[in-house]
Amino acid sequence: MSGIAREIEDIATEADVTAEDPMPAGASSTRPNKSVVVAVRLTPEDAAEVEVLAEQAGLPVSTLLRTWITTGLTASRPESLASAVERLSADVALIRRFVA
């Protein structure tokens, strides 16, 4: 076994052995990609319309709403050429879903 493979094996073994041990004092855990849940109030008609659009796009409602929100946020920020191309590509992909 190579040195790297042995080191990986040793680390994996240590992780298994200490998995149930408490965290050391002063240590903190982080979840760097944890999302924040935001509640939004919609009229029943708007909610129904969003559900129909999400179904037509083949997306969960939350994904469609998140896309709209991030698109709006992006539109309010100064834009680079690269981000403009990325935005246009995403728009084209969304339009293709509705046309297909």
N, C-alpha and C. Protein backbone atom coordinates (compact mmCIF):
# COMPACT_ATOMS: atom_id res chain seq x y z
N MET A 1 0.85 -1.17 0.00
CA MET A 1 0.00 0.00 0.00
C MET A 1 0.90 1.23 0.00
N SER A 2 0.56 2.22 -0.85
CA SER A 2 1.38 3.43 -0.92
C SER A 2 1.21 4.28 0.33
N GLY A 3 2.10 5.25 0.49
CA GLY A 3 2.04 6.13 1.66
C GLY A 3 0.73 6.90 1.74
N ILE A 4 0.26 7.39 0.60
CA ILE A 4 -0.99 8.15 0.58
C ILE A 4 -2.17 7.24 0.90
N ALA A 5 -2.20 6.06 0.30
CA ALA A 5 -3.29 5.12 0.57
C ALA A 5 -3.32 4.72 2.04
N ARG A 6 -2.14 4.51 2.63
CA ARG A 6 -2.07 4.15 4.05
C ARG A 6 -2.57 5.31 4.91
N GLU A 7 -2.18 6.54 4.56
CA GLU A 7 -2.62 7.70 5.33
C GLU A 7 -4.14 7.85 5.26
N ILE A 8 -4.70 7.65 4.07
CA ILE A 8 -6.16 7.72 3.92
C ILE A 8 -6.82 6.65 4.76
N GLU A 9 -6.29 5.46 4.74
CA GLU A 9 -6.83 4.35 5.54
C GLU A 9 -6.76 4.68 7.03
N ASP A 10 -5.64 5.24 7.48
CA ASP A 10 -5.48 5.60 8.90
C ASP A 10 -6.50 6.67 9.30
N ILE A 11 -6.68 7.67 8.46
CA ILE A 11 -7.64 8.75 8.76
C ILE A 11 -9.06 8.19 8.80
N ALA A 12 -9.40 7.32 7.85
CA ALA A 12 -10.73 6.71 7.84
C ALA A 12 -10.97 5.88 9.08
N THR A 13 -9.97 5.12 9.50
CA THR A 13 -10.09 4.31 10.71
C THR A 13 -10.29 5.20 11.93
N GLU A 14 -9.49 6.26 12.03
CA GLU A 14 -9.64 7.19 13.16
C GLU A 14 -11.03 7.82 13.17
N ALA A 15 -11.54 8.18 12.00
CA ALA A 15 -12.88 8.77 11.92
C ALA A 15 -13.94 7.79 12.40
N ASP A 16 -13.81 6.53 12.01
CA ASP A 16 -14.76 5.51 12.45
C ASP A 16 -14.70 5.32 13.97
N VAL A 17 -13.50 5.28 14.52
CA VAL A 17 -13.32 5.03 15.95
C VAL A 17 -13.84 6.20 16.78
N THR A 18 -13.67 7.42 16.30
CA THR A 18 -14.02 8.61 17.09
C THR A 18 -15.35 9.24 16.67
N ALA A 19 -16.12 8.56 15.82
CA ALA A 19 -17.36 9.15 15.29
C ALA A 19 -18.35 9.56 16.37
N GLU A 20 -18.41 8.83 17.46
CA GLU A 20 -19.38 9.12 18.52
C GLU A 20 -18.80 9.97 19.65
N ASP A 21 -17.54 10.32 19.56
CA ASP A 21 -16.91 11.14 20.60
C ASP A 21 -17.46 12.56 20.54
N PRO A 22 -17.55 13.24 21.69
CA PRO A 22 -18.00 14.64 21.66
C PRO A 22 -16.96 15.53 20.97
N MET A 23 -17.43 16.66 20.46
CA MET A 23 -16.53 17.62 19.82
C MET A 23 -15.57 18.17 20.87
N PRO A 24 -14.34 18.45 20.51
CA PRO A 24 -13.40 19.06 21.46
C PRO A 24 -13.89 20.43 21.91
N ALA A 25 -13.53 20.82 23.13
CA ALA A 25 -13.93 22.13 23.65
C ALA A 25 -13.41 23.22 22.71
N GLY A 26 -14.25 24.18 22.42
CA GLY A 26 -13.85 25.29 21.56
C GLY A 26 -14.05 25.02 20.08
N ALA A 27 -14.35 23.78 19.71
CA ALA A 27 -14.57 23.47 18.29
C ALA A 27 -16.00 23.84 17.91
N SER A 28 -16.18 24.29 16.71
CA SER A 28 -17.53 24.60 16.24
C SER A 28 -17.73 23.95 14.88
N SER A 29 -18.94 23.52 14.64
CA SER A 29 -19.24 22.92 13.34
C SER A 29 -19.87 23.99 12.46
N THR A 30 -19.64 23.87 11.19
CA THR A 30 -20.22 24.83 10.24
C THR A 30 -20.91 24.06 9.14
N ARG A 31 -21.88 24.71 8.55
CA ARG A 31 -22.56 24.19 7.37
C ARG A 31 -22.50 25.29 6.33
N PRO A 32 -21.42 25.35 5.56
CA PRO A 32 -21.18 26.49 4.69
C PRO A 32 -22.23 26.70 3.60
N ASN A 33 -22.91 25.67 3.17
CA ASN A 33 -23.89 25.81 2.10
C ASN A 33 -25.33 25.74 2.59
N LYS A 34 -25.52 25.92 3.89
CA LYS A 34 -26.87 25.83 4.43
C LYS A 34 -27.70 27.01 3.95
N SER A 35 -28.88 26.71 3.44
CA SER A 35 -29.78 27.74 2.95
C SER A 35 -30.63 28.29 4.08
N VAL A 36 -31.14 29.48 3.88
CA VAL A 36 -32.05 30.11 4.81
C VAL A 36 -33.46 29.98 4.23
N VAL A 37 -34.39 29.51 5.03
CA VAL A 37 -35.77 29.37 4.59
C VAL A 37 -36.47 30.70 4.75
N VAL A 38 -37.18 31.13 3.69
CA VAL A 38 -37.91 32.39 3.70
C VAL A 38 -39.37 32.10 3.36
N ALA A 39 -40.28 32.57 4.19
CA ALA A 39 -41.71 32.38 3.93
C ALA A 39 -42.21 33.54 3.08
N VAL A 40 -43.07 33.22 2.11
CA VAL A 40 -43.63 34.23 1.22
C VAL A 40 -45.14 34.04 1.17
N ARG A 41 -45.87 35.14 1.28
CA ARG A 41 -47.33 35.07 1.19
C ARG A 41 -47.77 35.38 -0.23
N LEU A 42 -48.61 34.50 -0.78
CA LEU A 42 -49.18 34.70 -2.11
C LEU A 42 -50.69 34.53 -2.02
N THR A 43 -51.38 35.17 -2.94
CA THR A 43 -52.82 34.91 -3.02
C THR A 43 -53.00 33.47 -3.51
N PRO A 44 -54.14 32.86 -3.23
CA PRO A 44 -54.37 31.50 -3.73
C PRO A 44 -54.25 31.42 -5.26
N GLU A 45 -54.70 32.48 -5.94
CA GLU A 45 -54.62 32.49 -7.40
C GLU A 45 -53.16 32.51 -7.88
N ASP A 46 -52.36 33.36 -7.25
CA ASP A 46 -50.94 33.43 -7.63
C ASP A 46 -50.23 32.11 -7.32
N ALA A 47 -50.54 31.53 -6.17
CA ALA A 47 -49.91 30.26 -5.80
C ALA A 47 -50.28 29.17 -6.81
N ALA A 48 -51.54 29.14 -7.22
CA ALA A 48 -51.97 28.14 -8.21
C ALA A 48 -51.27 28.37 -9.54
N GLU A 49 -51.11 29.62 -9.93
CA GLU A 49 -50.43 29.94 -11.19
C GLU A 49 -48.95 29.52 -11.13
N VAL A 50 -48.32 29.77 -10.00
CA VAL A 50 -46.92 29.37 -9.83
C VAL A 50 -46.81 27.84 -9.92
N GLU A 51 -47.74 27.12 -9.31
CA GLU A 51 -47.71 25.66 -9.37
C GLU A 51 -47.83 25.16 -10.80
N VAL A 52 -48.72 25.78 -11.58
CA VAL A 52 -48.89 25.39 -12.98
C VAL A 52 -47.60 25.65 -13.77
N LEU A 53 -47.02 26.83 -13.59
CA LEU A 53 -45.78 27.17 -14.30
C LEU A 53 -44.64 26.23 -13.91
N ALA A 54 -44.55 25.91 -12.63
CA ALA A 54 -43.50 25.00 -12.17
C ALA A 54 -43.69 23.62 -12.80
N GLU A 55 -44.93 23.15 -12.83
CA GLU A 55 -45.21 21.85 -13.43
C GLU A 55 -44.86 21.85 -14.92
N GLN A 56 -45.23 22.93 -15.61
CA GLN A 56 -44.90 23.03 -17.04
C GLN A 56 -43.39 23.03 -17.27
N ALA A 57 -42.66 23.64 -16.36
CA ALA A 57 -41.20 23.70 -16.48
C ALA A 57 -40.53 22.43 -15.97
N GLY A 58 -41.31 21.54 -15.35
CA GLY A 58 -40.73 20.32 -14.80
C GLY A 58 -39.87 20.58 -13.57
N LEU A 59 -40.26 21.60 -12.80
CA LEU A 59 -39.48 22.00 -11.63
C LEU A 59 -40.35 21.97 -10.39
N PRO A 60 -39.75 21.76 -9.22
CA PRO A 60 -40.50 21.98 -7.98
C PRO A 60 -40.80 23.47 -7.84
N VAL A 61 -41.89 23.79 -7.17
CA VAL A 61 -42.27 25.19 -6.97
C VAL A 61 -41.14 25.97 -6.32
N SER A 62 -40.50 25.39 -5.32
CA SER A 62 -39.43 26.12 -4.62
C SER A 62 -38.27 26.45 -5.55
N THR A 63 -37.96 25.55 -6.47
CA THR A 63 -36.87 25.81 -7.42
C THR A 63 -37.23 26.94 -8.36
N LEU A 64 -38.47 26.95 -8.85
CA LEU A 64 -38.91 28.03 -9.74
C LEU A 64 -38.87 29.37 -9.02
N LEU A 65 -39.40 29.41 -7.79
CA LEU A 65 -39.38 30.67 -7.03
C LEU A 65 -37.96 31.12 -6.73
N ARG A 66 -37.10 30.18 -6.36
CA ARG A 66 -35.70 30.53 -6.07
C ARG A 66 -35.02 31.08 -7.33
N THR A 67 -35.32 30.49 -8.49
CA THR A 67 -34.76 30.98 -9.75
C THR A 67 -35.22 32.40 -10.03
N TRP A 68 -36.49 32.66 -9.83
CA TRP A 68 -37.01 34.01 -10.05
C TRP A 68 -36.34 35.01 -9.11
N ILE A 69 -36.21 34.63 -7.86
CA ILE A 69 -35.60 35.54 -6.87
C ILE A 69 -34.14 35.81 -7.21
N THR A 70 -33.39 34.76 -7.50
CA THR A 70 -31.97 34.98 -7.80
C THR A 70 -31.79 35.73 -9.11
N THR A 71 -32.70 35.53 -10.07
CA THR A 71 -32.65 36.29 -11.31
C THR A 71 -32.88 37.77 -11.03
N GLY A 72 -33.86 38.06 -10.18
CA GLY A 72 -34.12 39.46 -9.82
C GLY A 72 -32.95 40.08 -9.08
N LEU A 73 -32.35 39.33 -8.18
CA LEU A 73 -31.19 39.85 -7.45
C LEU A 73 -30.02 40.10 -8.40
N THR A 74 -29.80 39.17 -9.31
CA THR A 74 -28.71 39.33 -10.27
C THR A 74 -28.94 40.55 -11.15
N ALA A 75 -30.20 40.76 -11.55
CA ALA A 75 -30.51 41.91 -12.41
C ALA A 75 -30.26 43.24 -11.71
N SER A 76 -30.29 43.24 -10.39
CA SER A 76 -30.09 44.49 -9.66
C SER A 76 -28.62 44.77 -9.37
N ARG A 77 -27.75 43.83 -9.71
CA ARG A 77 -26.31 43.99 -9.45
C ARG A 77 -25.60 44.44 -10.72
N PRO A 78 -24.45 45.11 -10.55
CA PRO A 78 -23.65 45.41 -11.73
C PRO A 78 -23.27 44.09 -12.42
N GLU A 79 -23.28 44.09 -13.75
CA GLU A 79 -23.11 42.84 -14.46
C GLU A 79 -21.83 42.83 -15.31
N SER A 80 -21.14 41.71 -15.27
CA SER A 80 -19.98 41.52 -16.13
C SER A 80 -20.45 40.82 -17.40
N LEU A 81 -19.61 40.81 -18.40
CA LEU A 81 -19.95 40.13 -19.65
C LEU A 81 -20.19 38.64 -19.40
N ALA A 82 -19.34 38.03 -18.58
CA ALA A 82 -19.48 36.60 -18.29
C ALA A 82 -20.82 36.30 -17.61
N SER A 83 -21.21 37.13 -16.66
CA SER A 83 -22.48 36.87 -15.97
C SER A 83 -23.66 37.15 -16.89
N ALA A 84 -23.52 38.10 -17.82
CA ALA A 84 -24.59 38.37 -18.78
C ALA A 84 -24.79 37.16 -19.70
N VAL A 85 -23.70 36.58 -20.17
CA VAL A 85 -23.78 35.40 -21.02
C VAL A 85 -24.39 34.23 -20.25
N GLU A 86 -24.00 34.07 -19.01
CA GLU A 86 -24.55 33.00 -18.17
C GLU A 86 -26.06 33.20 -17.97
N ARG A 87 -26.47 34.43 -17.71
CA ARG A 87 -27.89 34.73 -17.52
C ARG A 87 -28.67 34.45 -18.79
N LEU A 88 -28.14 34.88 -19.93
CA LEU A 88 -28.83 34.65 -21.20
C LEU A 88 -28.93 33.15 -21.50
N SER A 89 -27.90 32.40 -21.19
CA SER A 89 -27.94 30.95 -21.40
C SER A 89 -29.03 30.31 -20.55
N ALA A 90 -29.14 30.74 -19.31
CA ALA A 90 -30.19 30.22 -18.42
C ALA A 90 -31.57 30.59 -18.94
N ASP A 91 -31.71 31.81 -19.44
CA ASP A 91 -33.00 32.24 -20.00
C ASP A 91 -33.37 31.41 -21.22
N VAL A 92 -32.40 31.15 -22.09
CA VAL A 92 -32.65 30.33 -23.28
C VAL A 92 -33.07 28.92 -22.87
N ALA A 93 -32.41 28.35 -21.88
CA ALA A 93 -32.77 27.01 -21.41
C ALA A 93 -34.19 26.98 -20.87
N LEU A 94 -34.58 28.02 -20.14
CA LEU A 94 -35.94 28.08 -19.60
C LEU A 94 -36.96 28.22 -20.73
N ILE A 95 -36.67 29.05 -21.71
CA ILE A 95 -37.58 29.22 -22.85
C ILE A 95 -37.72 27.91 -23.61
N ARG A 96 -36.63 27.19 -23.80
CA ARG A 96 -36.70 25.90 -24.50
C ARG A 96 -37.61 24.92 -23.78
N ARG A 97 -37.62 24.95 -22.45
CA ARG A 97 -38.51 24.05 -21.70
C ARG A 97 -39.97 24.36 -21.98
N PHE A 98 -40.30 25.65 -22.11
CA PHE A 98 -41.68 26.03 -22.35
C PHE A 98 -42.10 25.77 -23.79
N VAL A 99 -41.17 25.86 -24.72
CA VAL A 99 -41.47 25.67 -26.14
C VAL A 99 -41.53 24.19 -26.50
N ALA A 100 -40.72 23.38 -25.84
CA ALA A 100 -40.63 21.95 -26.18
C ALA A 100 -41.92 21.21 -25.95
